[in-house]
C-alpha atoms as a PDB file:
ATOM      1  CA  MET A   1       8.208 -32.523 -37.881  1.00  0.00           C
ATOM      2  CA  PRO A   2      11.256 -32.658 -35.208  1.00  0.00           C
ATOM      3  CA  ASP A   3      11.323 -36.026 -33.499  1.00  0.00           C
ATOM      4  CA  VAL A   4      11.792 -34.889 -29.894  1.00  0.00           C
ATOM      5  CA  GLN A   5      11.153 -36.906 -26.800  1.00  0.00           C
ATOM      6  CA  ILE A   6      10.843 -34.763 -23.898  1.00  0.00           C
ATOM      7  CA  GLY A   7       9.170 -31.835 -23.399  1.00  0.00           C
ATOM      8  CA  ILE A   8       9.484 -28.795 -21.188  1.00  0.00           C
ATOM      9  CA  ILE A   9       6.567 -26.716 -19.451  1.00  0.00           C
ATOM     10  CA  GLY A  10       6.771 -23.753 -17.465  1.00  0.00           C
ATOM     11  CA  GLY A  11       7.918 -19.821 -17.682  1.00  0.00           C
ATOM     12  CA  SER A  12       9.836 -18.944 -20.489  1.00  0.00           C
ATOM     13  CA  GLY A  13      12.761 -18.186 -18.130  1.00  0.00           C
ATOM     14  CA  LEU A  14      13.496 -21.498 -18.609  1.00  0.00           C
ATOM     15  CA  TYR A  15      14.647 -20.884 -21.732  1.00  0.00           C
ATOM     16  CA  GLU A  16      17.633 -19.329 -20.335  1.00  0.00           C
ATOM     17  CA  MET A  17      19.268 -22.118 -18.414  1.00  0.00           C
ATOM     18  CA  ASP A  18      23.013 -22.763 -18.996  1.00  0.00           C
ATOM     19  CA  GLY A  19      23.747 -25.482 -21.477  1.00  0.00           C
ATOM     20  CA  LEU A  20      20.686 -25.033 -23.557  1.00  0.00           C
ATOM     21  CA  LYS A  21      21.145 -23.901 -27.315  1.00  0.00           C
ATOM     22  CA  LEU A  22      18.007 -22.868 -28.746  1.00  0.00           C
ATOM     23  CA  VAL A  23      17.803 -24.337 -32.756  1.00  0.00           C
ATOM     24  CA  GLU A  24      14.448 -23.412 -33.628  1.00  0.00           C
ATOM     25  CA  GLU A  25      10.629 -22.517 -33.287  1.00  0.00           C
ATOM     26  CA  ASN A  26       8.238 -24.398 -34.455  1.00  0.00           C
ATOM     27  CA  SER A  27       4.554 -23.041 -34.709  1.00  0.00           C
ATOM     28  CA  ILE A  28       2.107 -25.816 -34.251  1.00  0.00           C
ATOM     29  CA  GLN A  29      -1.437 -25.852 -35.655  1.00  0.00           C
ATOM     30  CA  THR A  30      -3.938 -28.640 -33.823  1.00  0.00           C
ATOM     31  CA  PRO A  31      -7.556 -29.438 -34.256  1.00  0.00           C
ATOM     32  CA  PHE A  32      -8.294 -27.813 -30.644  1.00  0.00           C
ATOM     33  CA  GLY A  33      -6.542 -24.558 -31.736  1.00  0.00           C
ATOM     34  CA  ASP A  34      -3.553 -22.900 -30.689  1.00  0.00           C
ATOM     35  CA  PRO A  35      -1.117 -23.632 -28.457  1.00  0.00           C
ATOM     36  CA  SER A  36       0.017 -20.817 -25.602  1.00  0.00           C
ATOM     37  CA  ASP A  37       2.950 -19.986 -27.624  1.00  0.00           C
ATOM     38  CA  ALA A  38       5.613 -21.506 -30.366  1.00  0.00           C
ATOM     39  CA  PHE A  39       7.555 -24.665 -29.291  1.00  0.00           C
ATOM     40  CA  MET A  40      11.409 -23.805 -28.824  1.00  0.00           C
ATOM     41  CA  ILE A  41      13.150 -26.730 -29.830  1.00  0.00           C
ATOM     42  CA  GLY A  42      16.859 -26.979 -28.202  1.00  0.00           C
ATOM     43  CA  ASP A  43      19.460 -29.002 -27.654  1.00  0.00           C
ATOM     44  CA  LEU A  44      20.554 -29.625 -23.982  1.00  0.00           C
ATOM     45  CA  ASP A  45      23.762 -30.857 -23.521  1.00  0.00           C
ATOM     46  CA  GLY A  46      23.269 -32.883 -26.593  1.00  0.00           C
ATOM     47  CA  ILE A  47      19.767 -33.773 -25.755  1.00  0.00           C
ATOM     48  CA  ARG A  48      16.905 -32.486 -28.035  1.00  0.00           C
ATOM     49  CA  VAL A  49      14.219 -30.502 -25.875  1.00  0.00           C
ATOM     50  CA  ALA A  50      10.678 -29.100 -26.692  1.00  0.00           C
ATOM     51  CA  PHE A  51      10.098 -25.829 -24.719  1.00  0.00           C
ATOM     52  CA  LEU A  52       6.378 -24.320 -24.161  1.00  0.00           C
ATOM     53  CA  SER A  53       5.844 -21.090 -22.189  1.00  0.00           C
ATOM     54  CA  ARG A  54       3.027 -22.535 -20.351  1.00  0.00           C
ATOM     55  CA  HIS A  55       1.219 -18.719 -19.946  1.00  0.00           C
ATOM     56  CA  GLY A  56       2.770 -17.595 -23.405  1.00  0.00           C
ATOM     57  CA  ARG A  57       5.698 -15.266 -23.858  1.00  0.00           C
ATOM     58  CA  GLY A  58       5.074 -12.464 -21.652  1.00  0.00           C
ATOM     59  CA  HIS A  59       2.765 -13.990 -19.183  1.00  0.00           C
ATOM     60  CA  ARG A  60      -0.409 -13.169 -21.177  1.00  0.00           C
ATOM     61  CA  LEU A  61      -3.121 -15.908 -20.736  1.00  0.00           C
ATOM     62  CA  LEU A  62      -4.878 -16.787 -17.665  1.00  0.00           C
ATOM     63  CA  PRO A  63      -4.818 -20.415 -16.031  1.00  0.00           C
ATOM     64  CA  SER A  64      -8.410 -20.650 -17.332  1.00  0.00           C
ATOM     65  CA  GLU A  65      -7.412 -19.629 -21.007  1.00  0.00           C
ATOM     66  CA  LEU A  66      -4.521 -22.052 -21.705  1.00  0.00           C
ATOM     67  CA  ASN A  67      -5.641 -24.249 -24.030  1.00  0.00           C
ATOM     68  CA  TYR A  68      -4.381 -27.272 -22.350  1.00  0.00           C
ATOM     69  CA  ARG A  69      -5.504 -29.838 -25.090  1.00  0.00           C
ATOM     70  CA  ALA A  70      -3.491 -27.961 -27.643  1.00  0.00           C
ATOM     71  CA  ASN A  71      -0.336 -27.918 -25.625  1.00  0.00           C
ATOM     72  CA  ILE A  72      -0.654 -31.589 -24.902  1.00  0.00           C
ATOM     73  CA  TYR A  73      -1.686 -32.002 -28.683  1.00  0.00           C
ATOM     74  CA  GLY A  74       1.763 -30.091 -30.121  1.00  0.00           C
ATOM     75  CA  PHE A  75       4.026 -32.060 -27.555  1.00  0.00           C
ATOM     76  CA  LYS A  76       2.459 -35.056 -28.673  1.00  0.00           C
ATOM     77  CA  THR A  77       2.962 -34.586 -32.581  1.00  0.00           C
ATOM     78  CA  LEU A  78       6.630 -33.541 -31.930  1.00  0.00           C
ATOM     79  CA  GLY A  79       7.220 -37.282 -30.578  1.00  0.00           C
ATOM     80  CA  VAL A  80       7.685 -36.116 -26.867  1.00  0.00           C
ATOM     81  CA  GLN A  81       7.303 -38.956 -24.543  1.00  0.00           C
ATOM     82  CA  THR A  82       8.009 -37.479 -20.985  1.00  0.00           C
ATOM     83  CA  ILE A  83       6.974 -33.941 -19.966  1.00  0.00           C
ATOM     84  CA  LEU A  84       8.730 -32.101 -16.998  1.00  0.00           C
ATOM     85  CA  SER A  85       6.509 -29.441 -15.580  1.00  0.00           C
ATOM     86  CA  ALA A  86       7.612 -26.280 -13.508  1.00  0.00           C
ATOM     87  CA  SER A  87       5.156 -24.308 -11.470  1.00  0.00           C
ATOM     88  CA  ALA A  88       4.734 -21.996  -8.842  1.00  0.00           C
ATOM     89  CA  VAL A  89       2.661 -23.106  -6.108  1.00  0.00           C
ATOM     90  CA  GLY A  90       1.136 -22.103  -2.386  1.00  0.00           C
ATOM     91  CA  SER A  91       2.081 -24.096   0.409  1.00  0.00           C
ATOM     92  CA  MET A  92      -0.802 -25.372   2.848  1.00  0.00           C
ATOM     93  CA  LYS A  93       1.501 -27.033   5.444  1.00  0.00           C
ATOM     94  CA  GLU A  94       3.656 -25.033   7.866  1.00  0.00           C
ATOM     95  CA  GLN A  95       6.769 -27.520   6.510  1.00  0.00           C
ATOM     96  CA  TYR A  96       6.995 -26.425   3.097  1.00  0.00           C
ATOM     97  CA  LYS A  97       8.485 -22.893   3.162  1.00  0.00           C
ATOM     98  CA  PRO A  98       8.874 -20.426   0.222  1.00  0.00           C
ATOM     99  CA  THR A  99      11.372 -21.580  -2.359  1.00  0.00           C
ATOM    100  CA  ASP A 100      11.064 -25.131  -1.125  1.00  0.00           C
ATOM    101  CA  ILE A 101       9.836 -27.799  -4.340  1.00  0.00           C
ATOM    102  CA  VAL A 102       7.233 -30.451  -3.578  1.00  0.00           C
ATOM    103  CA  PHE A 103       7.225 -33.414  -6.171  1.00  0.00           C
ATOM    104  CA  PRO A 104       3.374 -34.006  -5.487  1.00  0.00           C
ATOM    105  CA  ASP A 105       1.833 -37.402  -6.500  1.00  0.00           C
ATOM    106  CA  GLN A 106      -2.057 -36.669  -6.088  1.00  0.00           C
ATOM    107  CA  PHE A 107      -4.496 -34.158  -7.135  1.00  0.00           C
ATOM    108  CA  ILE A 108      -7.989 -32.546  -6.265  1.00  0.00           C
ATOM    109  CA  ASP A 109      -9.606 -30.918  -8.932  1.00  0.00           C
ATOM    110  CA  ARG A 110     -11.581 -27.250  -7.744  1.00  0.00           C
ATOM    111  CA  THR A 111     -11.599 -26.201 -11.477  1.00  0.00           C
ATOM    112  CA  ARG A 112     -14.913 -25.149 -13.265  1.00  0.00           C
ATOM    113  CA  HIS A 113     -14.400 -24.085 -16.733  1.00  0.00           C
ATOM    114  CA  ARG A 114     -11.964 -26.150 -18.565  1.00  0.00           C
ATOM    115  CA  PRO A 115     -11.987 -28.971 -21.415  1.00  0.00           C
ATOM    116  CA  ASP A 116      -9.530 -31.681 -20.048  1.00  0.00           C
ATOM    117  CA  THR A 117     -10.048 -34.702 -22.168  1.00  0.00           C
ATOM    118  CA  PHE A 118      -9.531 -35.425 -25.830  1.00  0.00           C
ATOM    119  CA  PHE A 119     -12.366 -38.057 -26.378  1.00  0.00           C
ATOM    120  CA  GLY A 120     -15.561 -36.504 -26.923  1.00  0.00           C
ATOM    121  CA  ASN A 121     -17.644 -36.000 -30.401  1.00  0.00           C
ATOM    122  CA  GLY A 122     -18.255 -39.478 -31.273  1.00  0.00           C
ATOM    123  CA  ILE A 123     -15.671 -41.348 -29.232  1.00  0.00           C
ATOM    124  CA  VAL A 124     -15.804 -42.099 -25.714  1.00  0.00           C
ATOM    125  CA  GLY A 125     -12.363 -43.122 -23.404  1.00  0.00           C
ATOM    126  CA  HIS A 126     -11.797 -43.643 -19.761  1.00  0.00           C
ATOM    127  CA  VAL A 127      -8.288 -43.926 -18.939  1.00  0.00           C
ATOM    128  CA  THR A 128      -6.950 -45.042 -15.428  1.00  0.00           C
ATOM    129  CA  PHE A 129      -5.803 -42.059 -13.358  1.00  0.00           C
ATOM    130  CA  ALA A 130      -5.391 -43.201  -9.595  1.00  0.00           C
ATOM    131  CA  ASP A 131      -2.292 -42.247  -9.671  1.00  0.00           C
ATOM    132  CA  PRO A 132      -1.690 -39.076 -12.012  1.00  0.00           C
ATOM    133  CA  MET A 133       1.986 -38.622 -12.105  1.00  0.00           C
ATOM    134  CA  CYS A 134       4.398 -40.701 -13.607  1.00  0.00           C
ATOM    135  CA  GLY A 135       6.724 -41.832 -10.336  1.00  0.00           C
ATOM    136  CA  ALA A 136       9.751 -42.522 -12.085  1.00  0.00           C
ATOM    137  CA  ILE A 137       9.444 -39.161 -13.774  1.00  0.00           C
ATOM    138  CA  SER A 138       8.880 -37.580 -10.317  1.00  0.00           C
ATOM    139  CA  ASP A 139      11.833 -39.845  -8.381  1.00  0.00           C
ATOM    140  CA  ALA A 140      14.076 -38.434 -11.154  1.00  0.00           C
ATOM    141  CA  LEU A 141      12.881 -35.012 -10.532  1.00  0.00           C
ATOM    142  CA  TYR A 142      13.312 -35.603  -7.073  1.00  0.00           C
ATOM    143  CA  GLU A 143      16.851 -36.858  -6.936  1.00  0.00           C
ATOM    144  CA  SER A 144      18.052 -34.007  -8.922  1.00  0.00           C
ATOM    145  CA  ALA A 145      16.353 -31.612  -6.518  1.00  0.00           C
ATOM    146  CA  ARG A 146      18.501 -33.107  -3.851  1.00  0.00           C
ATOM    147  CA  GLU A 147      21.732 -33.487  -5.438  1.00  0.00           C
ATOM    148  CA  GLN A 148      21.390 -29.463  -6.534  1.00  0.00           C
ATOM    149  CA  GLY A 149      20.753 -28.660  -2.984  1.00  0.00           C
ATOM    150  CA  ALA A 150      16.981 -27.686  -3.219  1.00  0.00           C
ATOM    151  CA  THR A 151      14.995 -28.162  -0.161  1.00  0.00           C
ATOM    152  CA  ALA A 152      12.658 -30.934  -1.853  1.00  0.00           C
ATOM    153  CA  HIS A 153       9.818 -32.914  -0.541  1.00  0.00           C
ATOM    154  CA  ARG A 154       8.477 -36.127  -2.812  1.00  0.00           C
ATOM    155  CA  GLY A 155       4.922 -36.544  -2.328  1.00  0.00           C
ATOM    156  CA  GLY A 156       1.682 -35.083  -1.596  1.00  0.00           C
ATOM    157  CA  THR A 157      -1.483 -33.917  -2.742  1.00  0.00           C
ATOM    158  CA  TYR A 158      -2.207 -30.406  -5.305  1.00  0.00           C
ATOM    159  CA  VAL A 159      -5.197 -28.701  -5.195  1.00  0.00           C
ATOM    160  CA  CYS A 160      -5.816 -27.389  -8.616  1.00  0.00           C
ATOM    161  CA  MET A 161      -8.346 -24.123  -7.893  1.00  0.00           C
ATOM    162  CA  GLU A 162      -9.682 -22.361 -10.731  1.00  0.00           C
ATOM    163  CA  GLY A 163      -8.489 -18.862 -10.425  1.00  0.00           C
ATOM    164  CA  PRO A 164      -7.164 -16.253 -11.187  1.00  0.00           C
ATOM    165  CA  GLN A 165      -7.996 -14.673  -8.016  1.00  0.00           C
ATOM    166  CA  PHE A 166      -5.915 -16.182  -5.137  1.00  0.00           C
ATOM    167  CA  SER A 167      -8.235 -18.144  -2.477  1.00  0.00           C
ATOM    168  CA  THR A 168     -10.503 -16.581   0.184  1.00  0.00           C
ATOM    169  CA  ARG A 169      -9.288 -17.301   3.717  1.00  0.00           C
ATOM    170  CA  ALA A 170     -12.382 -19.574   4.023  1.00  0.00           C
ATOM    171  CA  GLU A 171     -11.560 -22.038   1.082  1.00  0.00           C
ATOM    172  CA  SER A 172      -7.507 -21.738   1.911  1.00  0.00           C
ATOM    173  CA  LYS A 173      -8.485 -23.269   5.516  1.00  0.00           C
ATOM    174  CA  LEU A 174     -11.080 -25.460   3.761  1.00  0.00           C
ATOM    175  CA  TYR A 175      -8.318 -27.373   1.852  1.00  0.00           C
ATOM    176  CA  ARG A 176      -6.063 -27.120   4.909  1.00  0.00           C
ATOM    177  CA  SER A 177      -8.723 -29.362   6.359  1.00  0.00           C
ATOM    178  CA  TRP A 178      -8.537 -31.983   3.347  1.00  0.00           C
ATOM    179  CA  GLY A 179      -4.926 -32.433   4.070  1.00  0.00           C
ATOM    180  CA  VAL A 180      -3.855 -30.682   0.710  1.00  0.00           C
ATOM    181  CA  ASP A 181      -0.175 -29.639   0.333  1.00  0.00           C
ATOM    182  CA  VAL A 182       0.373 -27.454  -2.312  1.00  0.00           C
ATOM    183  CA  ILE A 183      -2.206 -25.092  -4.232  1.00  0.00           C
ATOM    184  CA  GLY A 184      -1.759 -24.286  -8.105  1.00  0.00           C
ATOM    185  CA  MET A 185      -3.956 -23.343 -11.110  1.00  0.00           C
ATOM    186  CA  THR A 186      -2.673 -25.254 -13.745  1.00  0.00           C
ATOM    187  CA  ASN A 187      -1.133 -28.724 -13.516  1.00  0.00           C
ATOM    188  CA  LEU A 188      -3.957 -31.212 -13.383  1.00  0.00           C
ATOM    189  CA  GLN A 189      -5.359 -30.877 -16.858  1.00  0.00           C
ATOM    190  CA  GLU A 190      -2.021 -31.296 -18.146  1.00  0.00           C
ATOM    191  CA  ALA A 191      -1.645 -34.520 -16.260  1.00  0.00           C
ATOM    192  CA  LYS A 192      -5.468 -35.824 -17.382  1.00  0.00           C
ATOM    193  CA  LEU A 193      -4.454 -34.855 -21.076  1.00  0.00           C
ATOM    194  CA  ALA A 194      -0.859 -36.442 -20.842  1.00  0.00           C
ATOM    195  CA  ARG A 195      -2.192 -39.527 -19.587  1.00  0.00           C
ATOM    196  CA  GLU A 196      -4.638 -39.848 -22.651  1.00  0.00           C
ATOM    197  CA  ALA A 197      -1.698 -39.035 -25.090  1.00  0.00           C
ATOM    198  CA  GLU A 198       0.451 -41.806 -22.829  1.00  0.00           C
ATOM    199  CA  ILE A 199       2.759 -39.443 -22.015  1.00  0.00           C
ATOM    200  CA  CYS A 200       4.827 -39.826 -19.125  1.00  0.00           C
ATOM    201  CA  TYR A 201       4.082 -36.361 -16.847  1.00  0.00           C
ATOM    202  CA  ALA A 202       5.554 -35.323 -13.483  1.00  0.00           C
ATOM    203  CA  THR A 203       5.597 -31.245 -11.659  1.00  0.00           C
ATOM    204  CA  MET A 204       8.095 -29.677  -9.776  1.00  0.00           C
ATOM    205  CA  ALA A 205       5.755 -27.622  -7.524  1.00  0.00           C
ATOM    206  CA  LEU A 206       8.095 -24.593  -6.689  1.00  0.00           C
ATOM    207  CA  VAL A 207       6.335 -22.908  -3.683  1.00  0.00           C
ATOM    208  CA  THR A 208       6.035 -18.871  -3.331  1.00  0.00           C
ATOM    209  CA  ASP A 209       3.764 -18.382  -0.552  1.00  0.00           C
ATOM    210  CA  TYR A 210       1.592 -19.744   2.397  1.00  0.00           C
ATOM    211  CA  ASP A 211      -1.489 -19.350   0.571  1.00  0.00           C
ATOM    212  CA  CYS A 212      -3.569 -16.747   3.283  1.00  0.00           C
ATOM    213  CA  TRP A 213      -4.289 -19.648   5.607  1.00  0.00           C
ATOM    214  CA  HIS A 214      -1.448 -18.368   7.583  1.00  0.00           C
ATOM    215  CA  GLU A 215      -1.752 -16.279  10.470  1.00  0.00           C
ATOM    216  CA  SER A 216       1.864 -14.999  11.129  1.00  0.00           C
ATOM    217  CA  GLU A 217       2.820 -14.779   7.629  1.00  0.00           C
ATOM    218  CA  GLU A 218       1.494 -11.524   4.785  1.00  0.00           C
ATOM    219  CA  ASP A 219      -1.371 -12.864   2.772  1.00  0.00           C
ATOM    220  CA  VAL A 220      -0.399 -13.532  -0.744  1.00  0.00           C
ATOM    221  CA  THR A 221       0.346 -10.927  -3.249  1.00  0.00           C
ATOM    222  CA  VAL A 222       1.784 -10.824  -6.717  1.00  0.00           C
ATOM    223  CA  GLU A 223       5.061  -8.695  -5.569  1.00  0.00           C
ATOM    224  CA  ALA A 224       5.541 -11.376  -2.645  1.00  0.00           C
ATOM    225  CA  ILE A 225       5.317 -14.207  -5.293  1.00  0.00           C
ATOM    226  CA  MET A 226       7.339 -12.780  -7.888  1.00  0.00           C
ATOM    227  CA  ALA A 227      10.295 -12.169  -5.720  1.00  0.00           C
ATOM    228  CA  VAL A 228      10.385 -15.720  -4.631  1.00  0.00           C
ATOM    229  CA  LEU A 229       9.653 -16.940  -8.558  1.00  0.00           C
ATOM    230  CA  HIS A 230      13.233 -15.087  -9.541  1.00  0.00           C
ATOM    231  CA  ALA A 231      14.788 -17.424  -6.630  1.00  0.00           C
ATOM    232  CA  ASN A 232      13.121 -20.310  -7.594  1.00  0.00           C
ATOM    233  CA  ALA A 233      13.967 -20.106 -11.503  1.00  0.00           C
ATOM    234  CA  ARG A 234      17.694 -20.385 -11.122  1.00  0.00           C
ATOM    235  CA  MET A 235      16.859 -23.529  -9.007  1.00  0.00           C
ATOM    236  CA  ALA A 236      14.739 -24.683 -11.459  1.00  0.00           C
ATOM    237  CA  GLN A 237      16.710 -24.613 -14.325  1.00  0.00           C
ATOM    238  CA  LYS A 238      19.694 -26.450 -12.380  1.00  0.00           C
ATOM    239  CA  ILE A 239      17.008 -29.448 -11.684  1.00  0.00           C
ATOM    240  CA  LEU A 240      15.843 -29.951 -15.002  1.00  0.00           C
ATOM    241  CA  ARG A 241      19.420 -29.902 -16.715  1.00  0.00           C
ATOM    242  CA  ALA A 242      20.138 -32.747 -14.394  1.00  0.00           C
ATOM    243  CA  THR A 243      17.065 -34.667 -14.636  1.00  0.00           C
ATOM    244  CA  VAL A 244      17.140 -34.511 -18.736  1.00  0.00           C
ATOM    245  CA  PRO A 245      20.138 -37.281 -19.034  1.00  0.00           C
ATOM    246  CA  HIS A 246      18.292 -39.271 -17.198  1.00  0.00           C
ATOM    247  CA  VAL A 247      14.930 -39.577 -18.403  1.00  0.00           C
ATOM    248  CA  ALA A 248      16.784 -39.580 -22.084  1.00  0.00           C
ATOM    249  CA  GLN A 249      18.528 -42.662 -21.322  1.00  0.00           C
ATOM    250  CA  ARG A 250      15.307 -44.570 -19.204  1.00  0.00           C
ATOM    251  CA  THR A 251      13.322 -47.117 -20.866  1.00  0.00           C
ATOM    252  CA  ARG A 252       9.653 -46.677 -20.382  1.00  0.00           C
ATOM    253  CA  GLY A 253       8.321 -49.351 -18.478  1.00  0.00           C
ATOM    254  CA  CYS A 254       5.274 -47.880 -16.661  1.00  0.00           C
ATOM    255  CA  ALA A 255       1.668 -47.827 -17.630  1.00  0.00           C
ATOM    256  CA  CYS A 256       1.862 -44.301 -18.969  1.00  0.00           C
ATOM    257  CA  ALA A 257       3.284 -45.496 -22.195  1.00  0.00           C
ATOM    258  CA  SER A 258      -0.146 -48.112 -22.387  1.00  0.00           C
ATOM    259  CA  ALA A 259      -2.922 -45.675 -20.947  1.00  0.00           C
ATOM    260  CA  LEU A 260      -4.899 -46.081 -23.838  1.00  0.00           C
ATOM    261  CA  GLN A 261      -4.699 -49.807 -24.535  1.00  0.00           C
ATOM    262  CA  PHE A 262      -8.029 -50.856 -22.925  1.00  0.00           C
ATOM    263  CA  ALA A 263      -9.439 -46.860 -22.815  1.00  0.00           C
ATOM    264  CA  ILE A 264     -11.617 -46.575 -25.766  1.00  0.00           C
ATOM    265  CA  VAL A 265     -14.787 -48.114 -25.443  1.00  0.00           C
ATOM    266  CA  THR A 266     -16.653 -46.946 -28.695  1.00  0.00           C
ATOM    267  CA  ASP A 267     -16.949 -49.174 -31.403  1.00  0.00           C
ATOM    268  CA  PRO A 268     -14.171 -48.189 -34.040  1.00  0.00           C
ATOM    269  CA  ALA A 269     -16.671 -48.548 -36.627  1.00  0.00           C
ATOM    270  CA  ARG A 270     -18.722 -45.693 -35.358  1.00  0.00           C
ATOM    271  CA  ILE A 271     -16.132 -43.591 -34.555  1.00  0.00           C
ATOM    272  CA  PRO A 272     -16.495 -40.692 -37.124  1.00  0.00           C
ATOM    273  CA  GLN A 273     -13.756 -40.313 -39.782  1.00  0.00           C
ATOM    274  CA  LYS A 274     -12.875 -36.581 -38.707  1.00  0.00           C
ATOM    275  CA  VAL A 275     -12.206 -37.776 -35.174  1.00  0.00           C
ATOM    276  CA  LYS A 276     -10.194 -40.604 -36.287  1.00  0.00           C
ATOM    277  CA  ASP A 277      -7.924 -38.326 -38.196  1.00  0.00           C
ATOM    278  CA  ASP A 278      -7.720 -35.321 -35.786  1.00  0.00           C
ATOM    279  CA  LEU A 279      -7.234 -37.777 -33.060  1.00  0.00           C
ATOM    280  CA  ALA A 280      -4.570 -39.941 -35.021  1.00  0.00           C
ATOM    281  CA  PRO A 281      -1.315 -38.886 -33.269  1.00  0.00           C
ATOM    282  CA  ILE A 282      -3.084 -40.215 -30.220  1.00  0.00           C
ATOM    283  CA  ILE A 283      -5.318 -43.054 -30.950  1.00  0.00           C
ATOM    284  CA  GLY A 284      -3.829 -44.162 -34.145  1.00  0.00           C
ATOM    285  CA  LYS A 285      -1.771 -47.145 -32.760  1.00  0.00           C
ATOM    286  CA  TYR A 286      -5.130 -48.551 -31.386  1.00  0.00           C
ATOM    287  CA  ILE A 287      -7.667 -47.450 -33.820  1.00  0.00           C
ATOM    288  CA  LYS A 288      -7.034 -46.699 -38.033  1.00  0.00           C
END
């Protein structure tokens, strides 16, 4: 299994960035089932990275169908210590315009049907999640975005909805009343599982629309979103390429790297052996 410290998750178009040479495809089987797709291992300006198409190549999987546990587990088994996420979001504030990029630092969960922990089946763990993004990685992405000329915003709250339908107008106005900044369908579960796996995680939220709260804008449609997505994709590639060298040189001093140190509360003698074996890549340094 290749040792790759940096993972990137987003659309399959990210594979097309300048400076990237794809080396191999790696199909990983996990105790939680299959990831969204094979992991694409590449060389980006001399740095090994692992790419995963979040919804599968060809965009085949609904947000609620994503196997979040298998995706993050797969990154962990590859040796990934940092995940850079790129995803489309709707703007909930006037100042965040389509093609802007937001680097949120908080989440609100409005999902209903998604496994979002590696624990259970005989083992209990409670990780700290007050600050769900790795601040150091968010800072690195934000600085790269500014250097590349993007209209970037640091901080804010991402409300994660179930989907696949977009919000009703009443829901959109409710979320606005909460003061949220952007809305999306995928990133919260990734962040929770990355924290349990002691992987640094930060997201680049690419604004495509104003959801449906904005009275002077057209209601959100797939056609409008796709047009903006293409405009965002090239900038996202530039930002990721600029960020990867900074991440590769970084010494991890953040709390993400030791998130499980005091989180597992189950008596090790009571944890089923199969659970220990299945979770060995995640809990192995604490529980044998």
